[in-house]
Amino acid sequence: MVRGKVQMKRIENATSRQVTFSKRRNGLLKKAYELSVLCDAEVAAIIFSPKGRLYEFSSSDMQKTIERYHKYAKGVKTDKPEMERYTQQPELEAANMVRKIELIEASQRKLLGQGLGSCSVEELQEVESQLERSLRNIRARKDHLFMEQIEQLKAKERFLREENAKLSAKSGGERWQPSTQQKETATYSSQSSLVETELFIGLPENRCS
């Protein structure tokens, strides 16, 4: 079941608010611990409950981490323009990435025949050229696969012919000889042909005379 999106506002129900606080607090402390172990980072987290109860986690000495933070914060204040430059750079890169993604998605829609109403003649010609290039590449790939299949079938045919030739040579080189049972059957047939039968066709005759 898909979990619904939680609205970011104060939970009015006191019981629900306390349950949510306990769950989120435990999750935050667990993530802080995992970050310190997996990334070998110095992590400190301080949480005060709505009733003023303190919860904390520190991968090292909490006081030393706080002192280190204060020391770093003072250095950042003296070098604010440099810090702003470093923070603005990722934002610019992210904005450029978003624009590139939008252009790629618009190009894909045009290749699918969508959103062509606002395109000029030159843009439509460019889309047509892209489709023709893609179609040539697809046909070339298909022809290549067909040729590979044909070569495989030819190789299989040559193998079967060689096997057939070997079997033909083997069967033609051996002289056929009848088995013992076949010899006995043939002898019995020849002897049976010499036995005179008394079967006559026609009116009976007086054989006593």
N, C-alpha and C. Protein backbone atom coordinates (compact mmCIF):
# COMPACT_ATOMS: atom_id res chain seq x y z
N MET A 1 0.85 -1.19 0.00
CA MET A 1 0.00 0.00 0.00
C MET A 1 0.88 1.24 0.00
N VAL A 2 0.59 2.20 -0.88
CA VAL A 2 1.41 3.41 -0.99
C VAL A 2 1.14 4.32 0.19
N ARG A 3 2.21 4.79 0.78
CA ARG A 3 2.07 5.68 1.93
C ARG A 3 1.74 7.09 1.46
N GLY A 4 0.72 7.71 2.11
CA GLY A 4 0.32 9.05 1.72
C GLY A 4 1.32 10.10 2.12
N LYS A 5 1.28 11.22 1.42
CA LYS A 5 2.20 12.31 1.72
C LYS A 5 1.77 13.02 2.99
N VAL A 6 2.72 13.22 3.90
CA VAL A 6 2.42 13.85 5.18
C VAL A 6 2.45 15.37 5.00
N GLN A 7 1.39 16.02 5.47
CA GLN A 7 1.33 17.48 5.38
C GLN A 7 2.20 18.09 6.48
N MET A 8 3.07 19.02 6.08
CA MET A 8 4.01 19.61 7.02
C MET A 8 3.34 20.75 7.81
N LYS A 9 2.68 20.35 8.88
CA LYS A 9 2.12 21.32 9.81
C LYS A 9 2.01 20.66 11.18
N ARG A 10 1.79 21.46 12.19
CA ARG A 10 1.74 20.95 13.57
C ARG A 10 0.57 19.98 13.72
N ILE A 11 0.87 18.83 14.35
CA ILE A 11 -0.17 17.84 14.62
C ILE A 11 -0.96 18.29 15.84
N GLU A 12 -2.25 18.46 15.68
CA GLU A 12 -3.06 19.01 16.77
C GLU A 12 -3.34 17.98 17.85
N ASN A 13 -3.54 16.72 17.46
CA ASN A 13 -3.82 15.69 18.44
C ASN A 13 -2.56 15.40 19.25
N ALA A 14 -2.67 15.50 20.58
CA ALA A 14 -1.49 15.36 21.45
C ALA A 14 -0.91 13.95 21.40
N THR A 15 -1.78 12.93 21.36
CA THR A 15 -1.29 11.55 21.32
C THR A 15 -0.56 11.27 20.02
N SER A 16 -1.17 11.67 18.91
CA SER A 16 -0.53 11.46 17.61
C SER A 16 0.77 12.24 17.52
N ARG A 17 0.78 13.44 18.10
CA ARG A 17 1.98 14.25 18.06
C ARG A 17 3.11 13.57 18.83
N GLN A 18 2.81 12.98 20.00
CA GLN A 18 3.83 12.31 20.80
C GLN A 18 4.34 11.05 20.10
N VAL A 19 3.43 10.28 19.46
CA VAL A 19 3.84 9.08 18.73
C VAL A 19 4.74 9.44 17.56
N THR A 20 4.36 10.47 16.83
CA THR A 20 5.17 10.91 15.69
C THR A 20 6.53 11.40 16.15
N PHE A 21 6.56 12.13 17.27
CA PHE A 21 7.84 12.60 17.79
C PHE A 21 8.76 11.44 18.14
N SER A 22 8.22 10.42 18.80
CA SER A 22 9.04 9.27 19.19
C SER A 22 9.60 8.55 17.97
N LYS A 23 8.75 8.35 16.96
CA LYS A 23 9.20 7.64 15.76
C LYS A 23 10.26 8.45 15.02
N ARG A 24 9.99 9.73 14.80
CA ARG A 24 10.94 10.56 14.05
C ARG A 24 12.24 10.76 14.83
N ARG A 25 12.15 10.86 16.15
CA ARG A 25 13.36 11.02 16.96
C ARG A 25 14.25 9.79 16.86
N ASN A 26 13.65 8.62 16.99
CA ASN A 26 14.44 7.39 16.89
C ASN A 26 15.05 7.24 15.49
N GLY A 27 14.26 7.60 14.47
CA GLY A 27 14.79 7.52 13.12
C GLY A 27 15.94 8.48 12.87
N LEU A 28 15.82 9.70 13.43
CA LEU A 28 16.88 10.70 13.27
C LEU A 28 18.16 10.25 13.97
N LEU A 29 18.05 9.75 15.18
CA LEU A 29 19.23 9.29 15.91
C LEU A 29 19.86 8.08 15.23
N LYS A 30 19.03 7.20 14.67
CA LYS A 30 19.57 6.03 13.96
C LYS A 30 20.34 6.47 12.71
N LYS A 31 19.77 7.43 11.97
CA LYS A 31 20.45 7.93 10.77
C LYS A 31 21.75 8.63 11.13
N ALA A 32 21.75 9.35 12.22
CA ALA A 32 22.99 10.02 12.66
C ALA A 32 24.07 8.99 12.98
N TYR A 33 23.67 7.91 13.64
CA TYR A 33 24.64 6.84 13.96
C TYR A 33 25.16 6.18 12.68
N GLU A 34 24.25 5.87 11.75
CA GLU A 34 24.68 5.23 10.49
C GLU A 34 25.61 6.14 9.70
N LEU A 35 25.33 7.44 9.69
CA LEU A 35 26.19 8.38 8.98
C LEU A 35 27.58 8.42 9.58
N SER A 36 27.67 8.38 10.89
CA SER A 36 28.98 8.42 11.55
C SER A 36 29.77 7.15 11.29
N VAL A 37 29.08 5.99 11.23
CA VAL A 37 29.79 4.72 11.03
C VAL A 37 30.15 4.53 9.57
N LEU A 38 29.20 4.72 8.68
CA LEU A 38 29.42 4.44 7.26
C LEU A 38 30.39 5.43 6.63
N CYS A 39 30.33 6.67 7.01
CA CYS A 39 31.12 7.71 6.36
C CYS A 39 32.26 8.24 7.23
N ASP A 40 32.42 7.68 8.40
CA ASP A 40 33.49 8.11 9.31
C ASP A 40 33.40 9.62 9.55
N ALA A 41 32.17 10.09 9.77
CA ALA A 41 31.94 11.52 9.98
C ALA A 41 31.73 11.80 11.47
N GLU A 42 32.05 13.00 11.84
CA GLU A 42 31.80 13.44 13.22
C GLU A 42 30.40 14.03 13.27
N VAL A 43 29.50 13.34 13.94
CA VAL A 43 28.08 13.70 13.93
C VAL A 43 27.63 13.93 15.37
N ALA A 44 26.83 14.98 15.55
CA ALA A 44 26.22 15.26 16.85
C ALA A 44 24.79 15.73 16.61
N ALA A 45 23.85 15.18 17.38
CA ALA A 45 22.44 15.56 17.26
C ALA A 45 21.89 15.84 18.65
N ILE A 46 21.17 16.97 18.77
CA ILE A 46 20.58 17.37 20.05
C ILE A 46 19.09 17.60 19.80
N ILE A 47 18.26 16.95 20.60
CA ILE A 47 16.81 17.05 20.44
C ILE A 47 16.18 17.34 21.81
N PHE A 48 15.27 18.32 21.84
CA PHE A 48 14.48 18.60 23.03
C PHE A 48 13.03 18.28 22.70
N SER A 49 12.42 17.47 23.54
CA SER A 49 11.02 17.10 23.34
C SER A 49 10.12 18.28 23.66
N PRO A 50 8.84 18.22 23.29
CA PRO A 50 7.92 19.32 23.64
C PRO A 50 7.84 19.59 25.14
N LYS A 51 8.14 18.58 25.94
CA LYS A 51 8.13 18.77 27.40
C LYS A 51 9.49 19.16 27.96
N GLY A 52 10.46 19.37 27.06
CA GLY A 52 11.77 19.83 27.50
C GLY A 52 12.75 18.73 27.81
N ARG A 53 12.45 17.51 27.48
CA ARG A 53 13.37 16.41 27.75
C ARG A 53 14.45 16.36 26.68
N LEU A 54 15.69 16.10 27.10
CA LEU A 54 16.83 16.13 26.20
C LEU A 54 17.14 14.74 25.66
N TYR A 55 17.36 14.69 24.33
CA TYR A 55 17.84 13.48 23.66
C TYR A 55 19.03 13.90 22.80
N GLU A 56 20.09 13.13 22.87
CA GLU A 56 21.28 13.52 22.12
C GLU A 56 22.03 12.29 21.63
N PHE A 57 22.83 12.53 20.60
CA PHE A 57 23.74 11.51 20.09
C PHE A 57 25.00 12.22 19.60
N SER A 58 26.14 11.60 19.87
CA SER A 58 27.41 12.15 19.42
C SER A 58 28.35 11.00 19.10
N SER A 59 28.97 11.06 17.93
CA SER A 59 29.91 10.01 17.55
C SER A 59 31.22 10.13 18.32
N SER A 60 31.48 11.30 18.89
CA SER A 60 32.66 11.51 19.73
C SER A 60 32.20 12.32 20.95
N ASP A 61 33.10 13.06 21.54
CA ASP A 61 32.73 13.87 22.70
C ASP A 61 31.83 15.02 22.26
N MET A 62 30.65 15.13 22.86
CA MET A 62 29.68 16.15 22.48
C MET A 62 30.24 17.56 22.67
N GLN A 63 30.91 17.82 23.78
CA GLN A 63 31.44 19.15 24.05
C GLN A 63 32.48 19.56 23.02
N LYS A 64 33.35 18.62 22.65
CA LYS A 64 34.36 18.92 21.64
C LYS A 64 33.72 19.21 20.28
N THR A 65 32.67 18.48 19.97
CA THR A 65 31.97 18.72 18.71
C THR A 65 31.33 20.11 18.71
N ILE A 66 30.75 20.50 19.84
CA ILE A 66 30.12 21.83 19.92
C ILE A 66 31.18 22.92 19.80
N GLU A 67 32.31 22.75 20.48
CA GLU A 67 33.39 23.73 20.37
C GLU A 67 33.91 23.82 18.93
N ARG A 68 34.02 22.69 18.30
CA ARG A 68 34.47 22.70 16.91
C ARG A 68 33.47 23.44 16.03
N TYR A 69 32.19 23.26 16.33
CA TYR A 69 31.15 23.94 15.55
C TYR A 69 31.24 25.46 15.73
N HIS A 70 31.39 25.88 16.98
CA HIS A 70 31.49 27.33 17.23
C HIS A 70 32.72 27.91 16.53
N LYS A 71 33.81 27.18 16.56
CA LYS A 71 35.04 27.65 15.92
C LYS A 71 34.84 27.77 14.41
N TYR A 72 34.18 26.78 13.82
CA TYR A 72 33.93 26.82 12.38
C TYR A 72 32.95 27.92 12.02
N ALA A 73 31.92 28.12 12.87
CA ALA A 73 30.91 29.14 12.58
C ALA A 73 31.53 30.53 12.59
N LYS A 74 32.48 30.77 13.48
CA LYS A 74 33.15 32.07 13.49
C LYS A 74 33.95 32.28 12.22
N GLY A 75 34.62 31.21 11.74
CA GLY A 75 35.40 31.33 10.51
C GLY A 75 34.51 31.57 9.31
N VAL A 76 33.33 30.99 9.30
CA VAL A 76 32.40 31.18 8.19
C VAL A 76 31.90 32.61 8.14
N LYS A 77 31.66 33.21 9.29
CA LYS A 77 31.16 34.59 9.32
C LYS A 77 32.19 35.56 8.75
N THR A 78 33.47 35.31 8.97
CA THR A 78 34.50 36.20 8.45
C THR A 78 34.73 36.01 6.96
N ASP A 79 34.30 34.86 6.45
CA ASP A 79 34.51 34.58 5.02
C ASP A 79 33.17 34.31 4.34
N LYS A 80 32.20 35.15 4.58
CA LYS A 80 30.85 34.97 4.08
C LYS A 80 30.77 35.03 2.56
N PRO A 81 31.41 35.98 1.84
CA PRO A 81 31.31 35.99 0.37
C PRO A 81 31.83 34.70 -0.26
N GLU A 82 32.92 34.16 0.28
CA GLU A 82 33.46 32.92 -0.28
C GLU A 82 32.49 31.76 -0.04
N MET A 83 31.87 31.76 1.12
CA MET A 83 30.90 30.70 1.42
C MET A 83 29.69 30.80 0.52
N GLU A 84 29.23 32.02 0.26
CA GLU A 84 28.09 32.21 -0.63
C GLU A 84 28.41 31.72 -2.05
N ARG A 85 29.66 31.93 -2.46
CA ARG A 85 30.04 31.50 -3.81
C ARG A 85 29.98 29.98 -3.92
N TYR A 86 30.43 29.32 -2.86
CA TYR A 86 30.40 27.85 -2.88
C TYR A 86 28.96 27.31 -2.81
N THR A 87 28.07 28.03 -2.11
CA THR A 87 26.69 27.57 -2.01
C THR A 87 25.90 27.87 -3.28
N GLN A 88 26.27 28.96 -3.98
CA GLN A 88 25.56 29.32 -5.21
C GLN A 88 25.95 28.42 -6.38
N GLN A 89 27.18 27.90 -6.37
CA GLN A 89 27.63 27.07 -7.48
C GLN A 89 26.77 25.82 -7.67
N PRO A 90 26.49 25.06 -6.60
CA PRO A 90 25.61 23.90 -6.80
C PRO A 90 24.21 24.27 -7.28
N GLU A 91 23.72 25.43 -6.82
CA GLU A 91 22.39 25.87 -7.25
C GLU A 91 22.37 26.16 -8.75
N LEU A 92 23.42 26.80 -9.24
CA LEU A 92 23.50 27.09 -10.68
C LEU A 92 23.60 25.79 -11.49
N GLU A 93 24.42 24.86 -10.99
CA GLU A 93 24.55 23.57 -11.68
C GLU A 93 23.23 22.82 -11.70
N ALA A 94 22.50 22.87 -10.60
CA ALA A 94 21.20 22.20 -10.54
C ALA A 94 20.21 22.84 -11.51
N ALA A 95 20.22 24.19 -11.60
CA ALA A 95 19.32 24.88 -12.52
C ALA A 95 19.65 24.53 -13.97
N ASN A 96 20.95 24.48 -14.29
CA ASN A 96 21.35 24.09 -15.66
C ASN A 96 20.93 22.66 -15.97
N MET A 97 21.05 21.77 -14.99
CA MET A 97 20.64 20.38 -15.19
C MET A 97 19.14 20.28 -15.44
N VAL A 98 18.37 21.08 -14.71
CA VAL A 98 16.91 21.08 -14.90
C VAL A 98 16.56 21.55 -16.30
N ARG A 99 17.22 22.59 -16.78
CA ARG A 99 16.95 23.09 -18.14
C ARG A 99 17.31 22.04 -19.19
N LYS A 100 18.44 21.35 -19.00
CA LYS A 100 18.83 20.31 -19.95
C LYS A 100 17.81 19.19 -19.98
N ILE A 101 17.33 18.79 -18.80
CA ILE A 101 16.32 17.73 -18.74
C ILE A 101 15.04 18.15 -19.45
N GLU A 102 14.64 19.42 -19.26
CA GLU A 102 13.44 19.91 -19.93
C GLU A 102 13.61 19.90 -21.44
N LEU A 103 14.80 20.29 -21.93
CA LEU A 103 15.04 20.27 -23.37
C LEU A 103 15.01 18.85 -23.92
N ILE A 104 15.60 17.91 -23.18
CA ILE A 104 15.60 16.51 -23.62
C ILE A 104 14.18 15.95 -23.67
N GLU A 105 13.39 16.25 -22.64
CA GLU A 105 12.01 15.76 -22.62
C GLU A 105 11.19 16.38 -23.76
N ALA A 106 11.40 17.67 -24.05
CA ALA A 106 10.69 18.31 -25.16
C ALA A 106 11.09 17.68 -26.49
N SER A 107 12.39 17.37 -26.66
CA SER A 107 12.85 16.72 -27.88
C SER A 107 12.25 15.33 -28.03
N GLN A 108 12.15 14.58 -26.95
CA GLN A 108 11.54 13.25 -27.00
C GLN A 108 10.07 13.33 -27.38
N ARG A 109 9.35 14.31 -26.84
CA ARG A 109 7.94 14.47 -27.21
C ARG A 109 7.78 14.78 -28.68
N LYS A 110 8.68 15.59 -29.22
CA LYS A 110 8.60 15.91 -30.64
C LYS A 110 8.87 14.68 -31.50
N LEU A 111 9.83 13.85 -31.08
CA LEU A 111 10.12 12.64 -31.84
C LEU A 111 8.95 11.66 -31.80
N LEU A 112 8.14 11.74 -30.75
CA LEU A 112 6.94 10.90 -30.65
C LEU A 112 5.73 11.53 -31.34
N GLY A 113 5.94 12.70 -31.97
CA GLY A 113 4.84 13.35 -32.67
C GLY A 113 3.96 14.19 -31.78
N GLN A 114 4.43 14.56 -30.59
CA GLN A 114 3.64 15.34 -29.66
C GLN A 114 4.21 16.75 -29.54
N GLY A 115 3.34 17.70 -29.28
CA GLY A 115 3.76 19.09 -29.09
C GLY A 115 4.37 19.73 -30.33
N LEU A 116 3.87 19.37 -31.52
CA LEU A 116 4.42 19.93 -32.76
C LEU A 116 3.71 21.21 -33.20
N GLY A 117 2.65 21.58 -32.49
CA GLY A 117 1.88 22.75 -32.91
C GLY A 117 2.67 24.05 -32.86
N SER A 118 3.61 24.14 -31.93
CA SER A 118 4.38 25.38 -31.77
C SER A 118 5.71 25.34 -32.52
N CYS A 119 5.96 24.29 -33.30
CA CYS A 119 7.24 24.15 -33.99
C CYS A 119 7.22 24.91 -35.32
N SER A 120 8.37 25.48 -35.66
CA SER A 120 8.53 26.15 -36.95
C SER A 120 8.90 25.12 -38.01
N VAL A 121 9.00 25.60 -39.26
CA VAL A 121 9.34 24.70 -40.36
C VAL A 121 10.75 24.13 -40.15
N GLU A 122 11.67 24.99 -39.72
CA GLU A 122 13.05 24.53 -39.49
C GLU A 122 13.09 23.46 -38.39
N GLU A 123 12.33 23.67 -37.32
CA GLU A 123 12.31 22.69 -36.24
C GLU A 123 11.72 21.36 -36.71
N LEU A 124 10.67 21.43 -37.51
CA LEU A 124 10.07 20.21 -38.03
C LEU A 124 11.03 19.47 -38.96
N GLN A 125 11.79 20.23 -39.75
CA GLN A 125 12.78 19.59 -40.62
C GLN A 125 13.88 18.91 -39.80
N GLU A 126 14.27 19.53 -38.70
CA GLU A 126 15.28 18.93 -37.84
C GLU A 126 14.75 17.63 -37.20
N VAL A 127 13.48 17.66 -36.76
CA VAL A 127 12.88 16.45 -36.19
C VAL A 127 12.81 15.35 -37.24
N GLU A 128 12.44 15.74 -38.46
CA GLU A 128 12.37 14.75 -39.55
C GLU A 128 13.74 14.14 -39.83
N SER A 129 14.77 14.98 -39.83
CA SER A 129 16.13 14.48 -40.07
C SER A 129 16.56 13.51 -38.96
N GLN A 130 16.23 13.85 -37.72
CA GLN A 130 16.57 12.96 -36.61
C GLN A 130 15.87 11.61 -36.74
N LEU A 131 14.60 11.64 -37.15
CA LEU A 131 13.86 10.38 -37.32
C LEU A 131 14.45 9.55 -38.45
N GLU A 132 14.85 10.21 -39.54
CA GLU A 132 15.45 9.47 -40.65
C GLU A 132 16.78 8.84 -40.24
N ARG A 133 17.59 9.58 -39.48
CA ARG A 133 18.85 9.00 -39.00
C ARG A 133 18.59 7.81 -38.07
N SER A 134 17.60 7.97 -37.20
CA SER A 134 17.28 6.87 -36.30
C SER A 134 16.79 5.66 -37.07
N LEU A 135 15.97 5.90 -38.11
CA LEU A 135 15.45 4.80 -38.92
C LEU A 135 16.57 4.09 -39.67
N ARG A 136 17.55 4.84 -40.17
CA ARG A 136 18.68 4.20 -40.85
C ARG A 136 19.49 3.35 -39.88
N ASN A 137 19.69 3.86 -38.68
CA ASN A 137 20.43 3.08 -37.68
C ASN A 137 19.68 1.80 -37.31
N ILE A 138 18.37 1.91 -37.18
CA ILE A 138 17.57 0.73 -36.84
C ILE A 138 17.64 -0.30 -37.96
N ARG A 139 17.52 0.14 -39.22
CA ARG A 139 17.57 -0.79 -40.35
C ARG A 139 18.96 -1.43 -40.46
N ALA A 140 20.00 -0.65 -40.23
CA ALA A 140 21.36 -1.21 -40.29
C ALA A 140 21.54 -2.27 -39.21
N ARG A 141 21.05 -2.00 -38.02
CA ARG A 141 21.15 -2.98 -36.94
C ARG A 141 20.35 -4.24 -37.27
N LYS A 142 19.16 -4.06 -37.84
CA LYS A 142 18.33 -5.21 -38.19
C LYS A 142 19.00 -6.06 -39.27
N ASP A 143 19.58 -5.39 -40.29
CA ASP A 143 20.28 -6.13 -41.34
C ASP A 143 21.48 -6.90 -40.78
N HIS A 144 22.17 -6.29 -39.85
CA HIS A 144 23.31 -6.96 -39.23
C HIS A 144 22.87 -8.22 -38.49
N LEU A 145 21.77 -8.12 -37.76
CA LEU A 145 21.26 -9.30 -37.05
C LEU A 145 20.81 -10.38 -38.02
N PHE A 146 20.18 -9.97 -39.13
CA PHE A 146 19.76 -10.95 -40.14
C PHE A 146 20.97 -11.67 -40.73
N MET A 147 22.03 -10.93 -41.02
CA MET A 147 23.23 -11.56 -41.58
C MET A 147 23.84 -12.54 -40.59
N GLU A 148 23.85 -12.19 -39.32
CA GLU A 148 24.38 -13.11 -38.31
C GLU A 148 23.55 -14.39 -38.26
N GLN A 149 22.22 -14.26 -38.33
CA GLN A 149 21.37 -15.44 -38.32
C GLN A 149 21.59 -16.31 -39.55
N ILE A 150 21.79 -15.67 -40.71
CA ILE A 150 22.03 -16.42 -41.94
C ILE A 150 23.35 -17.18 -41.84
N GLU A 151 24.38 -16.54 -41.32
CA GLU A 151 25.67 -17.21 -41.17
C GLU A 151 25.56 -18.38 -40.20
N GLN A 152 24.80 -18.22 -39.15
CA GLN A 152 24.61 -19.31 -38.20
C GLN A 152 23.88 -20.49 -38.86
N LEU A 153 22.86 -20.18 -39.68
CA LEU A 153 22.13 -21.25 -40.37
C LEU A 153 23.02 -21.96 -41.39
N LYS A 154 23.87 -21.20 -42.08
CA LYS A 154 24.79 -21.81 -43.04
C LYS A 154 25.79 -22.72 -42.33
N ALA A 155 26.30 -22.27 -41.21
CA ALA A 155 27.24 -23.10 -40.45
C ALA A 155 26.56 -24.37 -39.97
N LYS A 156 25.31 -24.26 -39.54
CA LYS A 156 24.57 -25.44 -39.10
C LYS A 156 24.33 -26.39 -40.27
N GLU A 157 24.03 -25.82 -41.44
CA GLU A 157 23.82 -26.66 -42.63
C GLU A 157 25.09 -27.40 -43.00
N ARG A 158 26.24 -26.72 -42.97
CA ARG A 158 27.50 -27.39 -43.29
C ARG A 158 27.80 -28.51 -42.29
N PHE A 159 27.51 -28.25 -41.02
CA PHE A 159 27.74 -29.28 -40.01
C PHE A 159 26.87 -30.50 -40.25
N LEU A 160 25.58 -30.28 -40.58
CA LEU A 160 24.68 -31.40 -40.83
C LEU A 160 25.10 -32.18 -42.07
N ARG A 161 25.57 -31.48 -43.10
CA ARG A 161 26.03 -32.19 -44.30
C ARG A 161 27.26 -33.04 -44.00
N GLU A 162 28.15 -32.50 -43.22
CA GLU A 162 29.35 -33.29 -42.86
C GLU A 162 28.96 -34.53 -42.05
N GLU A 163 28.04 -34.36 -41.12
CA GLU A 163 27.59 -35.51 -40.34
C GLU A 163 26.89 -36.53 -41.22
N ASN A 164 26.09 -36.04 -42.17
CA ASN A 164 25.39 -36.95 -43.09
C ASN A 164 26.39 -37.71 -43.96
N ALA A 165 27.44 -37.02 -44.42
CA ALA A 165 28.45 -37.68 -45.25
C ALA A 165 29.19 -38.75 -44.45
N LYS A 166 29.47 -38.45 -43.16
CA LYS A 166 30.15 -39.44 -42.32
C LYS A 166 29.29 -40.67 -42.11
N LEU A 167 27.99 -40.45 -41.87
CA LEU A 167 27.09 -41.59 -41.68
C LEU A 167 26.94 -42.41 -42.95
N SER A 168 26.88 -41.72 -44.11
CA SER A 168 26.76 -42.43 -45.38
C SER A 168 28.00 -43.27 -45.66
N ALA A 169 29.17 -42.70 -45.39
CA ALA A 169 30.41 -43.44 -45.61
C ALA A 169 30.51 -44.64 -44.68
N LYS A 170 30.07 -44.46 -43.46
CA LYS A 170 30.13 -45.54 -42.49
C LYS A 170 29.18 -46.67 -42.86
N SER A 171 27.98 -46.36 -43.28
CA SER A 171 27.01 -47.40 -43.64
C SER A 171 27.37 -48.07 -44.95
N GLY A 172 27.99 -47.37 -45.87
CA GLY A 172 28.39 -47.96 -47.15
C GLY A 172 29.62 -48.82 -47.03
N GLY A 173 30.46 -48.65 -46.09
CA GLY A 173 31.70 -49.42 -45.95
C GLY A 173 31.49 -50.76 -45.27
N GLU A 174 30.44 -50.93 -44.51
CA GLU A 174 30.20 -52.19 -43.83
C GLU A 174 29.35 -53.11 -44.69
N ARG A 175 29.74 -54.39 -44.85
CA ARG A 175 29.02 -55.39 -45.65
C ARG A 175 27.93 -56.02 -44.81
N TRP A 176 26.74 -56.07 -45.40
CA TRP A 176 25.61 -56.61 -44.67
C TRP A 176 25.65 -58.11 -44.67
N GLN A 177 25.46 -58.73 -43.50
CA GLN A 177 25.43 -60.18 -43.37
C GLN A 177 24.19 -60.56 -42.60
N PRO A 178 23.48 -61.61 -43.08
CA PRO A 178 22.24 -62.00 -42.39
C PRO A 178 22.55 -62.61 -41.05
N SER A 179 21.66 -62.44 -40.13
CA SER A 179 21.82 -63.00 -38.81
C SER A 179 21.48 -64.47 -38.80
N THR A 180 21.74 -65.16 -37.70
CA THR A 180 21.48 -66.61 -37.58
C THR A 180 20.00 -66.90 -37.72
N GLN A 181 19.15 -66.08 -37.13
CA GLN A 181 17.71 -66.30 -37.22
C GLN A 181 17.23 -66.13 -38.64
N GLN A 182 17.80 -65.15 -39.36
CA GLN A 182 17.41 -64.95 -40.75
C GLN A 182 17.84 -66.13 -41.61
N LYS A 183 19.04 -66.73 -41.32
CA LYS A 183 19.49 -67.90 -42.06
C LYS A 183 18.55 -69.08 -41.84
N GLU A 184 18.15 -69.34 -40.57
CA GLU A 184 17.25 -70.44 -40.28
C GLU A 184 15.91 -70.26 -40.95
N THR A 185 15.43 -69.03 -40.97
CA THR A 185 14.14 -68.76 -41.62
C THR A 185 14.23 -69.02 -43.11
N ALA A 186 15.34 -68.62 -43.73
CA ALA A 186 15.50 -68.86 -45.16
C ALA A 186 15.60 -70.34 -45.47
N THR A 187 16.30 -71.15 -44.65
CA THR A 187 16.44 -72.61 -44.86
C THR A 187 15.09 -73.29 -44.72
N TYR A 188 14.33 -72.89 -43.71
CA TYR A 188 13.02 -73.49 -43.51
C TYR A 188 12.12 -73.18 -44.68
N SER A 189 12.21 -71.98 -45.24
CA SER A 189 11.37 -71.60 -46.37
C SER A 189 11.72 -72.44 -47.58
N SER A 190 13.03 -72.71 -47.81
CA SER A 190 13.43 -73.50 -48.98
C SER A 190 13.01 -74.95 -48.85
N GLN A 191 13.06 -75.51 -47.62
CA GLN A 191 12.63 -76.88 -47.41
C GLN A 191 11.13 -77.00 -47.55
N SER A 192 10.41 -76.03 -47.09
CA SER A 192 8.95 -76.08 -47.19
C SER A 192 8.50 -76.04 -48.63
N SER A 193 9.27 -75.42 -49.48
CA SER A 193 8.89 -75.32 -50.88
C SER A 193 9.02 -76.66 -51.60
N LEU A 194 9.80 -77.62 -51.06
CA LEU A 194 9.98 -78.92 -51.68
C LEU A 194 8.94 -79.93 -51.25
N VAL A 195 8.12 -79.66 -50.24
CA VAL A 195 7.10 -80.58 -49.74
C VAL A 195 5.94 -80.59 -50.70
N GLU A 196 5.51 -81.81 -51.15
CA GLU A 196 4.39 -81.96 -52.09
C GLU A 196 3.10 -81.93 -51.32
N THR A 197 2.22 -81.11 -51.70
CA THR A 197 0.93 -81.00 -51.05
C THR A 197 -0.10 -81.79 -51.83
N GLU A 198 -1.18 -82.18 -51.21
CA GLU A 198 -2.23 -82.95 -51.84
C GLU A 198 -3.47 -82.12 -52.06
N LEU A 199 -3.28 -80.90 -52.33
CA LEU A 199 -4.42 -80.02 -52.59
C LEU A 199 -4.71 -80.03 -54.06
N PHE A 200 -5.95 -80.40 -54.43
CA PHE A 200 -6.37 -80.46 -55.83
C PHE A 200 -7.57 -79.59 -56.04
N ILE A 201 -7.64 -79.05 -57.22
CA ILE A 201 -8.77 -78.20 -57.57
C ILE A 201 -9.54 -78.91 -58.66
N GLY A 202 -10.85 -79.05 -58.50
CA GLY A 202 -11.69 -79.71 -59.51
C GLY A 202 -12.49 -80.84 -58.90
N LEU A 203 -13.11 -81.72 -59.77
CA LEU A 203 -13.92 -82.82 -59.29
C LEU A 203 -13.07 -83.88 -58.70
N PRO A 204 -13.51 -84.53 -57.63
CA PRO A 204 -12.73 -85.61 -57.06
C PRO A 204 -12.66 -86.82 -57.98
N GLU A 205 -11.54 -87.42 -58.01
CA GLU A 205 -11.31 -88.60 -58.85
C GLU A 205 -11.05 -89.81 -57.99
N ASN A 206 -11.24 -90.96 -58.58
CA ASN A 206 -11.00 -92.20 -57.87
C ASN A 206 -9.52 -92.48 -57.86
N ARG A 207 -8.90 -92.32 -56.68
CA ARG A 207 -7.47 -92.50 -56.57
C ARG A 207 -7.09 -93.94 -56.23
N CYS A 208 -8.09 -94.80 -55.97
CA CYS A 208 -7.73 -96.14 -55.57
C CYS A 208 -7.27 -96.98 -56.77
N SER A 209 -7.76 -96.60 -57.96
CA SER A 209 -7.36 -97.35 -59.13
C SER A 209 -5.96 -97.02 -59.58
